[in-house]
Protein backbone atom coordinates (compact mmCIF):
# COMPACT_ATOMS: atom_id res chain seq x y z
CA UNK A 1 0.00 0.00 0.00
CA UNK A 2 1.29 3.48 -0.84
CA UNK A 3 1.83 5.74 2.11
CA UNK A 4 0.17 9.14 1.82
CA UNK A 5 1.70 11.69 4.19
CA UNK A 6 -0.57 14.46 5.41
CA UNK A 7 0.35 17.68 3.64
CA UNK A 8 0.52 21.11 5.16
CA UNK A 9 -2.07 23.66 4.04
CA UNK A 10 0.65 25.53 2.12
CA UNK A 11 1.53 22.37 0.21
CA UNK A 12 -2.11 21.79 -0.71
CA UNK A 13 -2.27 25.39 -1.97
CA UNK A 14 0.88 24.95 -4.06
CA UNK A 15 -0.43 21.67 -5.47
CA UNK A 16 -3.64 23.31 -6.69
CA UNK A 17 -2.51 26.79 -7.72
CA UNK A 18 -2.40 25.68 -11.37
CA UNK A 19 -6.17 25.38 -11.17
CA UNK A 20 -6.19 29.19 -11.01
CA UNK A 21 -4.83 29.62 -14.54
CA UNK A 22 -7.01 26.86 -15.98
CA UNK A 23 -10.12 28.43 -14.47
CA UNK A 24 -9.17 31.93 -15.66
CA UNK A 25 -9.45 30.48 -19.15
CA UNK A 26 -12.83 28.89 -18.37
CA UNK A 27 -13.94 32.25 -16.93
CA UNK A 28 -13.23 33.94 -20.24
CA UNK A 29 -15.16 31.21 -22.01
CA UNK A 30 -18.13 31.82 -19.73
CA UNK A 31 -18.20 35.61 -20.06
CA UNK A 32 -16.23 36.67 -23.14
CA UNK A 33 -16.56 34.01 -25.84
CA UNK A 34 -20.32 34.43 -26.38
CA UNK A 35 -20.05 38.26 -26.59
CA UNK A 36 -17.25 37.74 -29.16
CA UNK A 37 -19.66 35.56 -31.12
CA UNK A 38 -22.20 38.40 -30.80
CA UNK A 39 -19.65 40.94 -32.06
CA UNK A 40 -18.96 38.66 -35.03
CA UNK A 41 -22.66 38.51 -35.93
CA UNK A 42 -24.00 35.31 -34.33
CA UNK A 43 -27.76 35.02 -33.77
CA UNK A 44 -29.09 33.85 -30.36
CA UNK A 45 -30.16 30.41 -31.58
CA UNK A 46 -26.66 29.80 -33.08
CA UNK A 47 -24.89 30.13 -29.72
CA UNK A 48 -25.61 26.61 -28.42
CA UNK A 49 -24.03 24.99 -31.49
CA UNK A 50 -21.09 27.41 -31.42
CA UNK A 51 -20.44 26.37 -27.82
CA UNK A 52 -20.35 22.68 -28.69
CA UNK A 53 -16.53 22.61 -28.50
CA UNK A 54 -16.35 22.57 -24.72
CA UNK A 55 -18.52 19.55 -23.99
CA UNK A 56 -17.36 17.50 -26.98
CA UNK A 57 -13.66 17.94 -26.21
CA UNK A 58 -14.38 17.27 -22.54
CA UNK A 59 -16.23 14.08 -23.46
CA UNK A 60 -13.30 12.82 -25.53
CA UNK A 61 -10.25 14.32 -23.84
CA UNK A 62 -10.81 14.00 -20.09
CA UNK A 63 -11.49 10.24 -19.80
CA UNK A 64 -8.72 9.56 -22.33
CA UNK A 65 -6.20 11.72 -20.46
CA UNK A 66 -7.35 10.19 -17.19
CA UNK A 67 -6.78 6.68 -18.50
CA UNK A 68 -3.39 7.56 -20.00
CA UNK A 69 -2.21 9.28 -16.84
CA UNK A 70 -3.27 6.26 -14.73
CA UNK A 71 -0.90 4.21 -16.88
CA UNK A 72 1.94 6.76 -16.92
CA UNK A 73 4.98 6.96 -14.70
CA UNK A 74 8.34 8.66 -15.33
CA UNK A 75 10.94 9.00 -12.56
CA UNK A 76 11.57 12.65 -13.46
CA UNK A 77 8.28 13.92 -14.88
CA UNK A 78 5.84 11.88 -12.78
CA UNK A 79 2.34 10.67 -13.66
CA UNK A 80 -0.01 13.66 -13.90
CA UNK A 81 2.39 16.59 -14.35
CA UNK A 82 3.30 16.01 -18.03
CA UNK A 83 -0.39 16.45 -18.91
CA UNK A 84 -0.62 19.64 -16.82
CA UNK A 85 2.25 21.18 -18.75
CA UNK A 86 1.17 20.20 -22.28
CA UNK A 87 -2.39 21.40 -21.68
CA UNK A 88 -1.32 24.71 -20.13
CA UNK A 89 1.13 25.44 -22.95
CA UNK A 90 -1.48 25.00 -25.69
CA UNK A 91 -4.03 26.89 -23.59
CA UNK A 92 -1.71 29.90 -23.34
CA UNK A 93 -1.12 29.96 -27.10
CA UNK A 94 -4.85 29.73 -27.86
CA UNK A 95 -5.75 32.49 -25.40
CA UNK A 96 -3.21 34.77 -27.05
CA UNK A 97 -4.59 34.09 -30.52
CA UNK A 98 -8.32 34.02 -29.73
CA UNK A 99 -9.21 37.75 -29.87
CA UNK A 100 -7.58 37.99 -33.31
CA UNK A 101 -10.52 35.94 -34.65
CA UNK A 102 -11.87 37.73 -37.71
CA UNK A 103 -14.78 35.42 -38.51
CA UNK A 104 -17.33 33.45 -36.53
CA UNK A 105 -15.95 30.09 -37.61
CA UNK A 106 -12.36 31.07 -36.84
CA UNK A 107 -13.46 31.86 -33.28
CA UNK A 108 -15.36 28.56 -33.09
CA UNK A 109 -12.35 26.59 -34.38
CA UNK A 110 -9.95 28.17 -31.90
CA UNK A 111 -12.41 27.40 -29.12
CA UNK A 112 -12.14 23.69 -29.97
CA UNK A 113 -8.35 23.78 -29.54
CA UNK A 114 -8.57 25.91 -26.40
CA UNK A 115 -11.07 23.56 -24.78
CA UNK A 116 -9.03 20.49 -25.66
CA UNK A 117 -5.99 22.10 -24.01
CA UNK A 118 -7.96 23.14 -20.91
CA UNK A 119 -9.35 19.63 -20.49
CA UNK A 120 -5.90 18.08 -20.91
CA UNK A 121 -4.57 20.28 -18.09
CA UNK A 122 -7.57 20.05 -15.78
CA UNK A 123 -8.43 16.34 -15.68
CA UNK A 124 -5.25 15.11 -13.93
CA UNK A 125 -5.74 17.75 -11.21
CA UNK A 126 -8.78 15.89 -9.89
CA UNK A 127 -6.87 12.61 -9.83
CA UNK A 128 -3.86 14.26 -8.17
CA UNK A 129 -5.97 15.00 -5.07
CA UNK A 130 -6.79 11.32 -4.68
CA UNK A 131 -3.17 10.37 -5.50
CA UNK A 132 -1.53 12.68 -2.99
CA UNK A 133 -3.91 13.16 -0.07
CA UNK A 134 -5.24 10.74 2.56
CA UNK A 135 -9.03 10.56 2.80
CA UNK A 136 -9.09 12.91 5.80
CA UNK A 137 -7.71 15.69 3.56
CA UNK A 138 -9.86 15.03 0.46
CA UNK A 139 -12.37 17.75 1.41
CA UNK A 140 -9.61 20.31 1.83
CA UNK A 141 -8.01 19.25 -1.46
CA UNK A 142 -11.12 19.32 -3.62
CA UNK A 143 -12.46 22.53 -2.08
CA UNK A 144 -9.07 24.21 -2.52
CA UNK A 145 -9.71 23.62 -6.19
CA UNK A 146 -13.09 25.33 -5.70
CA UNK A 147 -11.23 28.26 -4.13
CA UNK A 148 -8.92 28.60 -7.14
CA UNK A 149 -11.86 28.10 -9.49
CA UNK A 150 -13.52 31.12 -7.92
CA UNK A 151 -10.32 33.15 -7.86
CA UNK A 152 -9.40 32.43 -11.48
CA UNK A 153 -12.86 33.07 -12.88
CA UNK A 154 -13.15 36.19 -10.70
CA UNK A 155 -10.01 37.70 -12.20
CA UNK A 156 -11.21 36.83 -15.70
CA UNK A 157 -14.58 38.52 -15.18
CA UNK A 158 -13.28 41.53 -13.27
CA UNK A 159 -10.64 42.06 -15.95
CA UNK A 160 -13.43 42.32 -18.54
CA UNK A 161 -15.18 44.95 -16.44
CA UNK A 162 -12.06 46.99 -15.67
CA UNK A 163 -10.51 46.84 -19.14
CA UNK A 164 -13.86 47.73 -20.74
CA UNK A 165 -13.87 50.94 -18.69
CA UNK A 166 -10.31 52.03 -19.43
CA UNK A 167 -9.24 50.57 -22.79
CA UNK A 168 -10.76 51.96 -25.98
CA UNK A 169 -10.47 51.11 -29.65
CA UNK A 170 -11.44 48.18 -31.85
CA UNK A 171 -9.51 45.66 -33.95
CA UNK A 172 -11.90 44.49 -36.65
CA UNK A 173 -15.07 43.62 -34.72
CA UNK A 174 -13.34 42.94 -31.38
CA UNK A 175 -12.74 45.72 -28.83
CA UNK A 176 -9.18 46.10 -27.50
CA UNK A 177 -10.34 45.52 -23.92
CA UNK A 178 -11.17 41.94 -24.89
CA UNK A 179 -7.60 41.49 -26.15
CA UNK A 180 -6.23 42.63 -22.77
CA UNK A 181 -8.24 40.05 -20.83
CA UNK A 182 -7.16 37.20 -23.10
CA UNK A 183 -3.49 38.24 -23.01
CA UNK A 184 -3.58 38.28 -19.19
CA UNK A 185 -5.13 34.81 -19.24
CA UNK A 186 -2.35 33.54 -21.50
CA UNK A 187 0.24 34.54 -18.89
CA UNK A 188 -1.78 33.21 -15.93
CA UNK A 189 -2.27 29.77 -17.48
CA UNK A 190 1.34 28.78 -18.02
CA UNK A 191 2.80 30.48 -14.93
CA UNK A 192 0.35 29.06 -12.38
CA UNK A 193 0.58 25.52 -13.75
CA UNK A 194 4.36 25.85 -13.88
CA UNK A 195 4.36 26.79 -10.18
CA UNK A 196 2.33 23.67 -9.28
CA UNK A 197 4.64 21.45 -11.31
CA UNK A 198 7.74 22.92 -9.63
CA UNK A 199 6.36 22.74 -6.08
CA UNK A 200 4.58 19.36 -6.11
CA UNK A 201 6.41 16.03 -6.18
CA UNK A 202 4.26 13.03 -7.02
CA UNK A 203 4.21 9.84 -4.93
CA UNK A 204 6.14 7.11 -6.78
CA UNK A 205 4.33 3.82 -7.36
CA UNK A 206 5.34 0.82 -5.28
CA UNK A 207 7.32 -1.97 -6.93
CA UNK A 208 4.10 -3.98 -7.27
CA UNK A 209 2.23 -1.05 -8.82
CA UNK A 210 5.11 -0.37 -11.20
CA UNK A 211 5.20 -4.01 -12.27
CA UNK A 212 1.44 -3.88 -12.88
CA UNK A 213 1.85 -0.76 -15.03
CA UNK A 214 4.58 -2.38 -17.11
CA UNK A 215 2.53 -5.56 -17.56
CA UNK A 216 -0.48 -3.74 -19.02
CA UNK A 217 -1.11 -3.91 -22.73
CA UNK A 218 -0.22 -0.99 -24.95
CA UNK A 219 -1.76 0.13 -28.20
CA UNK A 220 -4.12 2.81 -29.40
CA UNK A 221 -7.34 1.00 -28.54
CA UNK A 222 -6.41 -0.07 -25.00
CA UNK A 223 -7.29 3.27 -23.31
CA UNK A 224 -10.72 3.19 -24.96
CA UNK A 225 -11.28 -0.39 -23.81
CA UNK A 226 -10.35 0.69 -20.30
CA UNK A 227 -12.85 3.57 -20.41
CA UNK A 228 -15.72 1.36 -21.57
CA UNK A 229 -14.84 -1.35 -19.04
CA UNK A 230 -14.78 1.22 -16.24
CA UNK A 231 -18.16 2.64 -17.29
CA UNK A 232 -19.63 -0.88 -17.36
CA UNK A 233 -18.45 -1.51 -13.78
CA UNK A 234 -19.05 2.01 -12.49
CA UNK A 235 -20.10 2.34 -8.81
CA UNK A 236 -23.84 2.95 -8.28
CA UNK A 237 -23.21 6.29 -6.60
CA UNK A 238 -21.73 7.62 -9.84
CA UNK A 239 -24.89 6.69 -11.78
CA UNK A 240 -26.90 8.56 -9.14
CA UNK A 241 -24.62 11.58 -9.47
CA UNK A 242 -25.10 11.54 -13.24
CA UNK A 243 -28.80 12.41 -12.81
CA UNK A 244 -27.87 15.44 -10.69
CA UNK A 245 -25.34 16.50 -13.30
CA UNK A 246 -27.86 16.13 -16.14
CA UNK A 247 -29.98 18.97 -14.74
CA UNK A 248 -27.14 20.93 -13.13
CA UNK A 249 -24.86 21.34 -16.12
CA UNK A 250 -27.63 21.80 -18.67
CA UNK A 251 -28.76 24.72 -16.52
CA UNK A 252 -25.31 26.26 -16.19
CA UNK A 253 -24.78 26.38 -19.94
CA UNK A 254 -28.16 28.10 -20.33
CA UNK A 255 -27.02 30.75 -17.84
CA UNK A 256 -23.57 31.37 -19.36
CA UNK A 257 -24.93 31.64 -22.90
CA UNK A 258 -27.65 34.13 -21.99
CA UNK A 259 -26.44 36.12 -18.96
CA UNK A 260 -25.16 39.21 -20.78
CA UNK A 261 -28.22 39.41 -23.04
CA UNK A 262 -30.56 38.92 -20.07
CA UNK A 263 -28.88 41.76 -18.16
CA UNK A 264 -28.93 43.96 -21.28
CA UNK A 265 -32.68 43.31 -21.62
CA UNK A 266 -33.73 43.69 -17.97
CA UNK A 267 -31.43 46.56 -16.95
CA UNK A 268 -30.56 48.46 -20.16
CA UNK A 269 -33.70 47.49 -22.13
CA UNK A 270 -31.58 46.70 -25.18
CA UNK A 271 -30.02 43.85 -27.13
CA UNK A 272 -26.86 43.31 -29.26
CA UNK A 273 -28.72 44.35 -32.41
CA UNK A 274 -30.48 47.42 -30.98
CA UNK A 275 -27.63 49.37 -29.39
CA UNK A 276 -24.09 47.96 -29.54
CA UNK A 277 -22.64 50.56 -27.16
CA UNK A 278 -25.21 49.81 -24.45
CA UNK A 279 -24.76 46.09 -25.01
CA UNK A 280 -20.99 46.44 -24.49
CA UNK A 281 -21.79 48.14 -21.18
CA UNK A 282 -24.03 45.21 -20.26
CA UNK A 283 -21.26 42.76 -21.16
CA UNK A 284 -18.87 44.63 -18.86
CA UNK A 285 -21.45 44.55 -16.05
CA UNK A 286 -22.00 40.83 -16.66
CA UNK A 287 -18.28 40.38 -16.09
CA UNK A 288 -18.65 42.16 -12.76
CA UNK A 289 -21.71 40.12 -11.77
CA UNK A 290 -19.99 36.87 -12.70
CA UNK A 291 -16.87 38.09 -10.96
CA UNK A 292 -18.93 38.63 -7.81
CA UNK A 293 -20.33 35.10 -7.74
CA UNK A 294 -16.81 33.77 -8.13
CA UNK A 295 -15.58 36.02 -5.30
CA UNK A 296 -18.29 34.40 -3.19
CA UNK A 297 -17.02 31.03 -4.43
CA UNK A 298 -13.48 31.46 -3.20
CA UNK A 299 -14.63 33.11 0.04
CA UNK A 300 -17.04 30.26 0.84
CA UNK A 301 -15.05 27.27 -0.45
CA UNK A 302 -13.19 26.50 2.76
CA UNK A 303 -16.33 27.01 4.87
CA UNK A 304 -17.91 24.20 2.86
CA UNK A 305 -15.11 21.88 4.02
CA UNK A 306 -16.37 22.05 7.61
CA UNK A 307 -20.03 21.92 6.60
CA UNK A 308 -19.47 18.84 4.42
CA UNK A 309 -17.74 17.07 7.31
CA UNK A 310 -20.45 18.03 9.80
CA UNK A 311 -23.64 17.60 7.78
CA UNK A 312 -22.52 15.33 4.87
CA UNK A 313 -21.62 16.37 1.31
CA UNK A 314 -25.11 15.41 0.05
CA UNK A 315 -26.97 17.79 2.36
CA UNK A 316 -24.54 20.63 1.61
CA UNK A 317 -24.90 20.21 -2.15
CA UNK A 318 -28.70 20.01 -1.90
CA UNK A 319 -28.96 23.33 -0.04
CA UNK A 320 -26.48 24.99 -2.39
CA UNK A 321 -28.44 23.95 -5.48
CA UNK A 322 -31.67 25.26 -3.93
CA UNK A 323 -30.06 28.68 -3.45
CA UNK A 324 -28.72 28.75 -7.01
CA UNK A 325 -32.01 27.63 -8.57
CA UNK A 326 -34.08 30.20 -6.70
CA UNK A 327 -31.58 32.91 -7.62
CA UNK A 328 -31.76 32.21 -11.35
CA UNK A 329 -35.57 32.07 -11.34
CA UNK A 330 -35.72 35.69 -10.12
CA UNK A 331 -32.57 36.93 -11.94
CA UNK A 332 -34.19 38.13 -15.21
CA UNK A 333 -36.89 40.09 -13.34
CA UNK A 334 -34.36 42.39 -11.62
CA UNK A 335 -34.14 45.84 -13.24
CA UNK A 336 -31.68 47.44 -10.81
CA UNK A 337 -28.18 46.38 -11.86
CA UNK A 338 -26.90 46.46 -8.26
CA UNK A 339 -29.59 44.06 -7.05
CA UNK A 340 -28.27 41.41 -9.46
CA UNK A 341 -25.54 40.69 -6.93
CA UNK A 342 -28.08 39.29 -4.43
CA UNK A 343 -29.10 36.12 -6.32
CA UNK A 344 -25.53 35.71 -7.50
CA UNK A 345 -24.39 35.36 -3.88
CA UNK A 346 -26.29 32.09 -3.52
CA UNK A 347 -25.15 31.06 -6.99
CA UNK A 348 -21.53 31.63 -5.95
CA UNK A 349 -21.85 29.40 -2.89
CA UNK A 350 -23.43 26.73 -5.11
CA UNK A 351 -20.61 27.08 -7.65
CA UNK A 352 -18.10 26.37 -4.86
CA UNK A 353 -20.06 23.24 -4.01
CA UNK A 354 -20.30 22.15 -7.66
CA UNK A 355 -16.53 22.35 -8.07
CA UNK A 356 -15.68 20.19 -5.07
CA UNK A 357 -18.46 18.58 -3.04
CA UNK A 358 -19.72 16.02 -5.64
CA UNK A 359 -16.24 14.47 -5.76
CA UNK A 360 -16.48 13.85 -2.00
CA UNK A 361 -19.69 11.90 -2.59
CA UNK A 362 -18.04 9.42 -4.96
CA UNK A 363 -14.30 9.23 -4.18
CA UNK A 364 -14.81 6.63 -1.45
CA UNK A 365 -16.22 4.15 -4.00
CA UNK A 366 -13.48 4.61 -6.62
CA UNK A 367 -10.56 2.10 -6.79
CA UNK A 368 -7.32 4.01 -6.26
CA UNK A 369 -5.67 2.51 -9.35
CA UNK A 370 -8.46 4.04 -11.47
CA UNK A 371 -8.64 7.56 -10.02
CA UNK A 372 -7.72 9.11 -13.37
CA UNK A 373 -10.19 7.26 -15.55
CA UNK A 374 -13.09 7.68 -13.10
CA UNK A 375 -12.41 11.40 -12.67
CA UNK A 376 -12.54 11.58 -16.46
CA UNK A 377 -15.83 9.67 -16.49
CA UNK A 378 -17.26 12.13 -13.97
CA UNK A 379 -16.36 14.82 -16.47
CA UNK A 380 -18.27 12.88 -19.12
CA UNK A 381 -21.29 13.27 -16.84
CA UNK A 382 -20.67 17.02 -16.99
CA UNK A 383 -20.19 17.36 -20.73
CA UNK A 384 -22.95 15.03 -21.96
CA UNK A 385 -25.63 17.37 -20.52
CA UNK A 386 -23.74 20.27 -22.12
CA UNK A 387 -23.82 18.52 -25.49
CA UNK A 388 -27.54 17.88 -25.06
CA UNK A 389 -27.99 21.55 -24.20
CA UNK A 390 -26.03 22.70 -27.24
CA UNK A 391 -27.99 20.39 -29.54
CA UNK A 392 -31.46 21.05 -28.11
CA UNK A 393 -31.63 24.42 -26.41
CA UNK A 394 -31.42 26.46 -29.62
CA UNK A 395 -34.70 24.82 -30.67
CA UNK A 396 -36.23 25.28 -27.21
CA UNK A 397 -35.15 28.91 -27.06
CA UNK A 398 -36.48 29.71 -30.52
CA UNK A 399 -39.77 27.81 -30.47
CA UNK A 400 -40.80 27.78 -26.79
CA UNK A 401 -39.03 30.75 -25.16
CA UNK A 402 -39.34 33.21 -28.06
CA UNK A 403 -35.54 33.80 -28.16
CA UNK A 404 -35.97 35.60 -24.82
CA UNK A 405 -32.72 35.44 -22.80
CA UNK A 406 -34.58 36.21 -19.56
CA UNK A 407 -36.82 33.17 -19.99
CA UNK A 408 -33.70 31.11 -20.71
CA UNK A 409 -32.23 32.12 -17.33
CA UNK A 410 -35.45 31.22 -15.46
CA UNK A 411 -35.50 27.90 -17.33
CA UNK A 412 -31.99 27.28 -15.98
CA UNK A 413 -33.20 28.05 -12.46
CA UNK A 414 -35.92 25.40 -12.68
CA UNK A 415 -33.37 22.83 -13.84
CA UNK A 416 -31.13 23.62 -10.85
CA UNK A 417 -34.07 22.98 -8.54
CA UNK A 418 -34.57 19.60 -10.25
CA UNK A 419 -30.85 18.89 -9.70
CA UNK A 420 -31.34 19.62 -5.99
CA UNK A 421 -34.18 17.09 -5.82
CA UNK A 422 -32.03 14.48 -7.59
CA UNK A 423 -29.24 15.02 -5.05
CA UNK A 424 -31.46 13.56 -2.33
CA UNK A 425 -31.46 10.22 -4.18
CA UNK A 426 -27.68 9.75 -3.83
CA UNK A 427 -26.47 7.02 -1.46
CA UNK A 428 -22.97 7.82 -0.22
CA UNK A 429 -20.36 5.89 1.74
CA UNK A 430 -17.71 7.22 4.11
CA UNK A 431 -14.28 6.44 2.63
CA UNK A 432 -11.78 4.48 4.72
CA UNK A 433 -8.70 6.56 5.34
CA UNK A 434 -5.39 5.68 3.76
CA UNK A 435 -2.34 4.89 5.83
CA UNK A 436 -1.03 8.27 6.89
CA UNK A 437 2.38 9.60 7.85
CA UNK A 438 2.97 12.70 9.99
CA UNK A 439 2.69 16.16 8.42
CA UNK A 440 5.17 16.32 5.55
CA UNK A 441 7.88 18.95 5.45
CA UNK A 442 8.02 21.28 2.47
CA UNK A 443 9.25 19.45 -0.60
CA UNK A 444 11.00 22.47 -2.08
């Protein structure tokens, strides 16, 4: 059995700081990519299809990278860290190039590469928590990732708001303030992941584990066989979580695609086609609103650690989803731009839970030699609802919601309430702790 020393809080922070740069990139995708599509002339019902890159690359890349990293070991480079570095490098390049998009399909194509890079970097981070930390520190590890999720997305959204106020000019159809946010993200991605790689040694496999790795079959099809075999024998709790994720992630994509247009409609009484200047102001305010909910995320993440231990992860996630669902139901009816921060407070707490608490509900049932592949499969549960949303919501929005972004946000709120109800069906187990060593001294 591998010994897992307890890490200091500083070591857990260093291990997860790369999540900051990855989530900065996802923050720009949430708040800036759809406005760029708007600037390039996309219609509302085109946005779901144009956002298909994220869920499709996540569906393909994360379980594949998880499987490959489970089967990887290099004495110098480790198991998960090579994937961090490759993903972060490509992410930085794509973020630098993205605002130079001159056509709608150029922007969509770059988004596919950017999402593939983000997923390559992010997937091993989930598995690294289970690799490095004993069960007693899992909550701290996963919710530290929630903290950096909030911090990274906060900086991305606040940068949009600040740069929109102080940077003028346009390159083609894209304002210069958008360029500034993407350039900052390019730097954050590679530097934060580089810091994690430098500061975090991985635990070497035992002789038995190494022999098992070397004995496994190679070949192109083997990782895919492993993924399908793991899905076939997936723990019941993961199937139960998949129902929660169906409603939860469908709803989140509805919010991200329509937030800026909903705020433009309810507060500024305009749309991208009516008044571009006012819509740009609404986009900047959306960045601030989204920045606020992510500030709440990183402020509340560590509080959720104690609550999850005291009341159970299931109860915590249920309450968080209730707050988020109720907030989105009322969101499009708010005409005062400052009052938008109220429902987003509950949404931010829920976002912290979404980024960490569900993993606590399932990690106790996952075999340690398959942490990577099962963390990738959990991501499949995230992206399949997103793919369904991208393929179906354009039709729903056009034919049932009258292309009204406010109704789209309320629709998302109802789905989050359904996700809360599905959470109550989950049966969880308390994981047995790993063999622990005393608190480890700093590795570097």
